[in-house]
Protein backbone atom coordinates (compact mmCIF):
# COMPACT_ATOMS: atom_id res chain seq x y z
CA MET A 1 -60.73 -118.90 -88.91
CA ILE A 2 -58.94 -120.04 -92.22
CA LYS A 3 -56.26 -122.40 -91.50
CA MET A 4 -53.53 -121.76 -94.05
CA ILE A 5 -51.47 -125.54 -95.19
CA LYS A 6 -48.80 -125.43 -96.60
CA ILE A 7 -47.34 -129.14 -97.30
CA ASN A 8 -45.33 -130.64 -99.53
CA PRO A 9 -46.19 -132.27 -102.71
CA ASN A 10 -44.40 -135.04 -102.48
CA ASP A 11 -46.29 -135.98 -98.80
CA THR A 12 -48.35 -139.26 -99.08
CA VAL A 13 -51.63 -139.06 -97.19
CA LEU A 14 -51.21 -137.48 -94.21
CA LYS A 15 -53.39 -138.24 -90.94
CA ASP A 16 -54.82 -135.01 -88.87
CA ASP A 17 -52.30 -135.55 -85.89
CA GLU A 18 -49.45 -134.59 -88.91
CA ILE A 19 -51.14 -132.10 -90.53
CA THR A 20 -52.37 -130.03 -87.54
CA ASN A 21 -48.14 -130.91 -86.58
CA LEU A 22 -47.44 -128.85 -89.85
CA ILE A 23 -49.32 -126.05 -89.91
CA LYS A 24 -46.99 -123.14 -89.10
CA GLU A 25 -49.14 -120.40 -90.30
CA VAL A 26 -52.91 -119.57 -89.76
CA HIS A 27 -55.06 -117.03 -90.58
CA MET A 28 -57.73 -115.21 -88.64
CA THR A 29 -60.45 -113.31 -89.52
CA LYS A 30 -62.16 -113.56 -85.68
CA SER A 31 -61.09 -111.43 -83.53
CA VAL A 32 -57.70 -112.92 -80.93
CA SER A 33 -58.45 -112.90 -77.77
CA TYR A 34 -57.01 -115.15 -75.10
CA LYS A 35 -58.97 -117.97 -75.13
CA THR A 36 -58.26 -118.24 -78.66
CA ILE A 37 -54.36 -117.84 -78.49
CA ILE A 38 -54.41 -120.70 -76.30
CA GLU A 39 -56.47 -122.66 -78.61
CA LEU A 40 -54.61 -122.15 -81.71
CA LEU A 41 -51.40 -123.39 -79.28
CA ASP A 42 -52.75 -126.34 -78.53
CA ASN A 43 -54.09 -127.07 -81.66
CA TYR A 44 -51.29 -125.77 -83.23
CA PRO A 45 -48.28 -126.40 -81.65
CA ASP A 46 -46.04 -125.57 -84.17
CA LEU A 47 -47.53 -122.61 -84.86
CA LYS A 48 -45.05 -120.17 -86.61
CA ARG A 49 -46.94 -116.79 -87.46
CA ILE A 50 -50.57 -115.84 -87.04
CA THR A 51 -51.95 -112.72 -89.23
CA CYS A 52 -55.59 -111.02 -90.07
CA PRO A 53 -56.74 -107.91 -91.46
CA ILE A 54 -55.51 -104.77 -90.47
CA SER A 55 -58.27 -103.91 -89.24
CA LEU A 56 -57.92 -106.62 -86.80
CA TYR A 57 -55.10 -106.18 -86.04
CA ASN A 58 -55.52 -102.84 -84.76
CA ARG A 59 -58.01 -104.19 -82.09
CA ILE A 60 -55.18 -106.53 -80.56
CA SER A 61 -54.47 -106.34 -77.60
CA LYS A 62 -50.15 -105.11 -77.11
CA LYS A 63 -49.85 -107.75 -74.29
CA TYR A 64 -50.88 -110.57 -76.49
CA ILE A 65 -48.26 -109.97 -78.93
CA GLU A 66 -45.69 -109.36 -76.56
CA VAL A 67 -46.05 -112.76 -75.03
CA LEU A 68 -46.63 -114.81 -78.73
CA ASP A 69 -43.39 -112.63 -79.73
CA SER A 70 -41.91 -113.60 -76.14
CA MET A 71 -42.78 -117.46 -77.56
CA GLY A 72 -41.65 -117.35 -81.14
CA VAL A 73 -44.95 -116.58 -82.85
CA SER A 74 -45.65 -113.82 -84.80
CA ILE A 75 -49.07 -111.65 -85.25
CA GLN A 76 -49.05 -109.89 -88.48
CA SER A 77 -51.12 -107.92 -90.59
CA LYS A 78 -52.35 -109.62 -94.29
CA TYR A 79 -54.38 -108.84 -96.74
CA ASN A 80 -56.47 -111.79 -97.70
CA TYR A 81 -58.73 -111.01 -100.56
CA ASN A 82 -59.83 -114.31 -102.75
CA HIS A 83 -61.22 -112.40 -105.71
CA PRO A 84 -58.45 -111.31 -108.33
CA LYS A 85 -58.93 -107.75 -109.84
CA LYS A 86 -61.43 -108.17 -112.16
CA TYR A 87 -60.84 -104.34 -114.12
CA GLY A 88 -57.12 -103.67 -114.88
CA GLU A 89 -54.40 -100.96 -116.61
CA ASP A 90 -55.55 -101.70 -120.16
CA ILE A 91 -59.47 -100.91 -119.49
CA GLY A 92 -59.17 -98.65 -117.07
CA SER A 93 -56.46 -96.61 -119.58
CA LYS A 94 -59.08 -97.31 -122.64
CA VAL A 95 -61.47 -95.56 -120.36
CA VAL A 96 -59.52 -92.22 -119.19
CA ASN A 97 -58.53 -91.92 -122.66
CA LEU A 98 -61.89 -92.20 -123.67
CA ILE A 99 -63.18 -89.66 -121.29
CA GLN A 100 -59.90 -87.56 -122.01
CA GLU A 101 -61.35 -87.35 -126.05
CA GLY A 102 -64.68 -85.73 -124.70
CA LYS A 103 -67.07 -88.65 -124.72
CA THR A 104 -69.79 -88.95 -121.35
CA PRO A 105 -69.99 -91.62 -118.71
CA LEU A 106 -72.39 -93.34 -120.41
CA GLU A 107 -70.54 -92.87 -123.99
CA VAL A 108 -67.82 -94.84 -122.53
CA ALA A 109 -70.07 -97.12 -120.75
CA ASN A 110 -72.50 -97.95 -124.29
CA ILE A 111 -69.00 -98.10 -125.96
CA MET A 112 -66.65 -100.83 -122.91
CA ASN A 113 -69.77 -102.99 -121.97
CA LEU A 114 -69.43 -101.76 -119.10
CA PRO A 115 -71.95 -99.90 -116.65
CA VAL A 116 -72.15 -96.46 -116.09
CA GLU A 117 -71.58 -96.64 -112.13
CA LYS A 118 -68.23 -98.91 -112.78
CA VAL A 119 -67.53 -95.85 -115.49
CA TYR A 120 -66.84 -93.28 -112.96
CA TYR A 121 -65.11 -95.73 -110.78
CA ILE A 122 -62.23 -96.74 -113.43
CA ARG A 123 -61.68 -92.97 -114.07
CA ARG A 124 -61.35 -92.13 -110.29
CA LYS A 125 -59.05 -94.90 -110.20
CA PHE A 126 -56.79 -94.58 -113.12
CA SER A 127 -56.96 -91.22 -113.65
CA ASN A 128 -55.90 -87.84 -113.04
CA PRO A 129 -57.27 -86.54 -110.01
CA ASN A 130 -57.91 -82.89 -111.98
CA ILE A 131 -59.52 -84.81 -114.83
CA LYS A 132 -63.74 -83.44 -114.94
CA LEU A 133 -65.94 -85.59 -116.04
CA LYS A 134 -68.38 -84.49 -117.97
CA THR A 135 -71.61 -84.95 -115.03
CA GLY A 136 -75.60 -84.70 -115.34
CA LYS A 137 -77.20 -84.44 -118.50
CA LYS A 138 -76.97 -82.81 -121.36
CA THR A 139 -78.93 -79.34 -122.49
CA LYS A 140 -81.50 -79.98 -124.66
CA TYR A 141 -81.10 -75.64 -126.16
CA ASN A 142 -78.48 -75.91 -128.49
CA GLU A 143 -75.73 -71.93 -128.17
CA GLU A 144 -77.79 -70.63 -130.84
CA GLN A 145 -80.54 -70.42 -128.65
CA ILE A 146 -78.61 -69.99 -125.40
CA ASN A 147 -76.89 -67.15 -127.04
CA SER A 148 -80.11 -65.40 -127.95
CA ILE A 149 -81.42 -65.30 -124.72
CA LYS A 150 -78.64 -64.09 -123.17
CA ILE A 151 -78.80 -60.93 -126.61
CA GLN A 152 -82.86 -60.47 -125.00
CA LYS A 153 -82.14 -60.22 -122.20
CA GLU A 154 -79.24 -57.92 -122.21
CA ASN A 155 -81.51 -55.60 -124.13
CA GLY A 156 -84.07 -55.84 -121.29
CA VAL A 157 -86.27 -58.07 -122.41
CA PRO A 158 -88.38 -59.77 -119.62
CA VAL A 159 -87.69 -62.99 -119.03
CA LYS A 160 -91.84 -64.04 -120.14
CA GLU A 161 -91.79 -62.49 -123.34
CA ILE A 162 -88.00 -64.51 -123.82
CA ALA A 163 -89.83 -67.65 -123.25
CA GLU A 164 -92.68 -67.13 -125.20
CA LYS A 165 -90.79 -65.86 -128.06
CA GLU A 166 -88.06 -69.05 -127.69
CA ASP A 167 -90.72 -71.27 -127.30
CA ILE A 168 -89.41 -72.30 -124.16
CA PRO A 169 -90.71 -73.32 -120.80
CA LEU A 170 -90.14 -70.15 -118.75
CA ARG A 171 -88.55 -71.84 -115.09
CA THR A 172 -86.24 -73.18 -118.45
CA VAL A 173 -85.10 -69.15 -119.23
CA TYR A 174 -84.66 -68.73 -116.00
CA TYR A 175 -82.43 -71.82 -115.38
CA ILE A 176 -80.76 -70.97 -118.67
CA ILE A 177 -79.96 -67.16 -117.15
CA LYS A 178 -78.42 -68.55 -113.89
CA ASN A 179 -76.14 -71.02 -115.05
CA TYR A 180 -74.78 -70.30 -118.33
CA ILE A 181 -75.12 -66.70 -118.62
CA SER A 182 -72.54 -64.52 -116.56
CA PHE A 183 -72.86 -60.94 -115.91
CA LYS A 184 -71.53 -58.56 -115.02
CA LYS A 185 -72.10 -55.94 -111.64
């Protein structure tokens, strides 16, 4: 449980009893039960608001909420994240622009000095979801070799001979045929 104390800066040193009387809001991080409500009301007689994360708020009994409302204490869900966002709009827009220019996530990570995982995260957060990333490994075979394999396959040359002529492993020729060459059936 975290106590939120709002004290006037003009006040001097206060005793513990005076501090508990000044507390109007308490943030809960543990489940709210009958016992914790009684403790809160006993310890903080001027309590006006209890805040908690939304996941906790959804688990609170409606009877507890009604009873506390009748006593003048409201329960609200509140996000209480403690650290600021690390990557803002400026970094997000730079990453998205680099990706739209055709850079791969690894290249963007090296340019921006970020981990590759963060590039994917930032792209997903700041970009249009319809923009696709060039993911995975780049092929080490250029378009000329792929076109040569395509022409040979269309002319009926066996795959084993294509692999020998191009000096490419047989399984790679099969992979290129499957992924880079579309056949009309």
